[in-house]
């Protein structure tokens, strides 16, 4: 498959994400590679007061496919839970993230090296020659999987980050689920 054709299919998938979000009254925009810095990207503002601790920013994109790599393409779901972690609670969040990640079958909660950003990242690997309809199906499943992990643990991590919950309470409530 030619690189341009691959990029066109990827853009069709990103456009689908934005269109489906807009149909469901979810704020979403497509950001071109020149602005995003990595690749063309669909940016989505996820809000669910019942299951999320505030707003979660979703960034969805395909990593660039190098000329030498014509077998696989990588679709990234990156969900930012917090971009300004309070340093007083970083250790509790780190401990919880470590315990939660150990139980996840896919994806991971991550903290930036400066310990300010907390996100969840999931990467879907697909053949470069995948039909666009299959790409869309896989991308939808990846997005749902990533959002489910954030909905399950995002509020808890947000409570740890804000000091509403300490590490002892976290272990009391969730330790048995996490094998602690």
Protein backbone atom coordinates (compact mmCIF):
# COMPACT_ATOMS: atom_id res chain seq x y z
CA UNK A 1 0.00 0.00 0.00
CA UNK A 2 1.34 3.42 -0.89
CA UNK A 3 2.07 5.77 2.00
CA UNK A 4 -0.42 8.35 0.72
CA UNK A 5 -3.19 5.79 0.53
CA UNK A 6 -2.38 4.70 4.10
CA UNK A 7 -2.53 8.35 5.26
CA UNK A 8 -5.84 8.85 3.43
CA UNK A 9 -7.36 5.84 5.19
CA UNK A 10 -6.08 7.09 8.53
CA UNK A 11 -7.61 10.51 7.90
CA UNK A 12 -10.92 8.89 7.00
CA UNK A 13 -10.86 7.14 10.40
CA UNK A 14 -9.99 10.38 12.24
CA UNK A 15 -12.82 12.18 10.41
CA UNK A 16 -15.20 9.38 11.48
CA UNK A 17 -14.21 9.94 15.13
CA UNK A 18 -14.97 13.66 14.92
CA UNK A 19 -18.24 13.14 13.02
CA UNK A 20 -19.53 10.48 15.44
CA UNK A 21 -18.65 12.64 18.44
CA UNK A 22 -20.38 15.67 16.95
CA UNK A 23 -23.51 13.56 16.27
CA UNK A 24 -23.53 12.69 19.98
CA UNK A 25 -23.00 16.33 21.00
CA UNK A 26 -19.45 15.68 22.18
CA UNK A 27 -16.94 18.43 21.44
CA UNK A 28 -14.38 17.12 18.94
CA UNK A 29 -12.05 18.67 16.38
CA UNK A 30 -9.49 17.44 13.91
CA UNK A 31 -6.11 19.03 14.45
CA UNK A 32 -3.65 18.95 11.54
CA UNK A 33 -0.15 17.54 12.01
CA UNK A 34 1.38 21.01 11.74
CA UNK A 35 -0.49 22.08 14.90
CA UNK A 36 -0.49 18.76 16.77
CA UNK A 37 3.23 18.19 16.27
CA UNK A 38 2.96 14.39 16.05
CA UNK A 39 0.42 13.58 13.36
CA UNK A 40 -3.09 14.53 12.30
CA UNK A 41 -5.18 14.08 15.42
CA UNK A 42 -8.81 13.89 16.56
CA UNK A 43 -9.14 15.75 19.87
CA UNK A 44 -12.22 14.98 21.97
CA UNK A 45 -13.47 16.51 25.23
CA UNK A 46 -14.99 13.63 27.20
CA UNK A 47 -17.31 14.60 30.05
CA UNK A 48 -19.16 12.21 32.32
CA UNK A 49 -19.81 13.60 35.78
CA UNK A 50 -20.88 10.21 37.13
CA UNK A 51 -17.76 8.30 36.12
CA UNK A 52 -15.01 10.81 35.41
CA UNK A 53 -13.25 13.21 37.72
CA UNK A 54 -13.81 16.34 35.64
CA UNK A 55 -13.09 16.53 31.94
CA UNK A 56 -10.86 14.05 30.13
CA UNK A 57 -9.10 15.19 26.98
CA UNK A 58 -8.83 12.45 24.36
CA UNK A 59 -6.18 12.66 21.68
CA UNK A 60 -6.50 10.03 18.97
CA UNK A 61 -3.93 9.64 16.22
CA UNK A 62 -1.90 7.27 14.08
CA UNK A 63 1.83 7.27 14.60
CA UNK A 64 3.65 8.09 11.36
CA UNK A 65 4.53 4.95 9.37
CA UNK A 66 8.24 5.06 8.46
CA UNK A 67 9.22 4.22 4.89
CA UNK A 68 11.05 1.13 6.14
CA UNK A 69 7.96 -0.13 8.04
CA UNK A 70 5.17 -1.09 5.69
CA UNK A 71 3.63 -3.89 7.73
CA UNK A 72 1.95 -2.28 10.75
CA UNK A 73 0.33 1.01 11.71
CA UNK A 74 -0.24 2.16 15.27
CA UNK A 75 -3.38 3.94 16.47
CA UNK A 76 -2.91 5.78 19.78
CA UNK A 77 -5.62 6.63 22.32
CA UNK A 78 -4.18 9.12 24.80
CA UNK A 79 -6.59 10.30 27.51
CA UNK A 80 -5.38 13.10 29.77
CA UNK A 81 -6.86 12.87 33.27
CA UNK A 82 -4.88 15.74 34.77
CA UNK A 83 -2.25 18.11 33.42
CA UNK A 84 -1.40 19.75 36.73
CA UNK A 85 -0.85 17.12 39.43
CA UNK A 86 -0.41 18.52 42.91
CA UNK A 87 3.08 17.59 44.10
CA UNK A 88 1.73 16.83 47.61
CA UNK A 89 -0.20 13.85 46.24
CA UNK A 90 2.12 12.59 43.48
CA UNK A 91 3.46 9.68 45.55
CA UNK A 92 -0.04 8.38 46.32
CA UNK A 93 -1.01 8.65 42.65
CA UNK A 94 2.21 6.88 41.57
CA UNK A 95 1.57 4.02 43.99
CA UNK A 96 -2.02 3.63 42.80
CA UNK A 97 -1.00 3.78 39.13
CA UNK A 98 1.58 1.06 39.71
CA UNK A 99 -0.98 -1.21 41.36
CA UNK A 100 -3.71 -0.51 38.78
CA UNK A 101 -1.40 -1.01 35.79
CA UNK A 102 -0.37 -4.42 37.08
CA UNK A 103 -3.99 -5.61 36.73
CA UNK A 104 -4.77 -4.10 33.32
CA UNK A 105 -4.82 -6.42 30.32
CA UNK A 106 -4.17 -3.55 27.89
CA UNK A 107 -3.16 0.08 28.04
CA UNK A 108 -1.52 1.86 30.96
CA UNK A 109 -1.86 4.89 33.18
CA UNK A 110 1.23 7.07 32.81
CA UNK A 111 2.78 10.06 34.52
CA UNK A 112 5.02 12.49 32.69
CA UNK A 113 8.67 12.75 33.79
CA UNK A 114 7.94 16.11 35.46
CA UNK A 115 5.07 14.42 37.37
CA UNK A 116 2.52 17.00 36.22
CA UNK A 117 0.60 15.00 33.60
CA UNK A 118 -1.49 11.91 34.30
CA UNK A 119 -2.92 10.08 31.30
CA UNK A 120 -4.06 6.71 30.05
CA UNK A 121 -2.55 5.41 26.84
CA UNK A 122 -3.64 2.51 24.68
CA UNK A 123 -2.10 1.58 21.32
CA UNK A 124 -3.86 -0.54 18.71
CA UNK A 125 -1.63 -2.31 16.18
CA UNK A 126 -3.18 -2.93 12.77
CA UNK A 127 -1.85 -4.10 9.42
CA UNK A 128 -1.04 -1.19 7.10
CA UNK A 129 -3.19 -2.83 4.41
CA UNK A 130 -6.25 -3.10 6.69
CA UNK A 131 -9.51 -2.17 4.97
CA UNK A 132 -10.90 1.14 6.22
CA UNK A 133 -14.10 -0.50 7.51
CA UNK A 134 -12.02 -2.85 9.68
CA UNK A 135 -9.83 0.05 10.79
CA UNK A 136 -12.95 1.93 11.94
CA UNK A 137 -14.21 -1.09 13.85
CA UNK A 138 -10.85 -1.60 15.56
CA UNK A 139 -10.52 2.10 16.41
CA UNK A 140 -14.00 2.22 17.95
CA UNK A 141 -13.14 -0.82 20.09
CA UNK A 142 -9.81 0.74 21.14
CA UNK A 143 -11.51 3.98 22.13
CA UNK A 144 -14.16 2.14 24.16
CA UNK A 145 -11.48 0.04 25.88
CA UNK A 146 -9.42 3.11 26.78
CA UNK A 147 -12.45 5.04 28.02
CA UNK A 148 -13.61 2.09 30.13
CA UNK A 149 -10.28 1.98 31.93
CA UNK A 150 -10.41 5.71 32.57
CA UNK A 151 -14.03 5.53 33.71
CA UNK A 152 -13.19 2.70 36.09
CA UNK A 153 -10.08 4.28 37.62
CA UNK A 154 -10.04 7.96 36.61
CA UNK A 155 -12.28 9.20 39.43
CA UNK A 156 -10.26 7.25 42.00
CA UNK A 157 -6.99 8.69 40.68
CA UNK A 158 -8.60 12.13 40.64
CA UNK A 159 -9.61 11.70 44.29
CA UNK A 160 -6.04 10.69 45.17
CA UNK A 161 -4.67 13.62 43.20
CA UNK A 162 -6.93 16.12 44.97
CA UNK A 163 -6.38 14.67 48.45
CA UNK A 164 -10.02 13.53 48.80
CA UNK A 165 -8.65 10.01 49.27
CA UNK A 166 -5.33 8.89 50.74
CA UNK A 167 -3.34 5.76 49.90
CA UNK A 168 -4.66 3.89 52.95
CA UNK A 169 -8.29 4.50 51.91
CA UNK A 170 -7.44 3.53 48.33
CA UNK A 171 -6.05 0.19 49.51
CA UNK A 172 -9.00 -0.39 51.83
CA UNK A 173 -11.51 0.17 49.03
CA UNK A 174 -9.66 -1.40 46.10
CA UNK A 175 -6.86 -3.55 47.51
CA UNK A 176 -8.71 -6.84 47.05
CA UNK A 177 -9.43 -6.01 43.37
CA UNK A 178 -5.76 -5.23 42.86
CA UNK A 179 -4.36 -8.23 44.70
CA UNK A 180 -3.02 -6.12 47.59
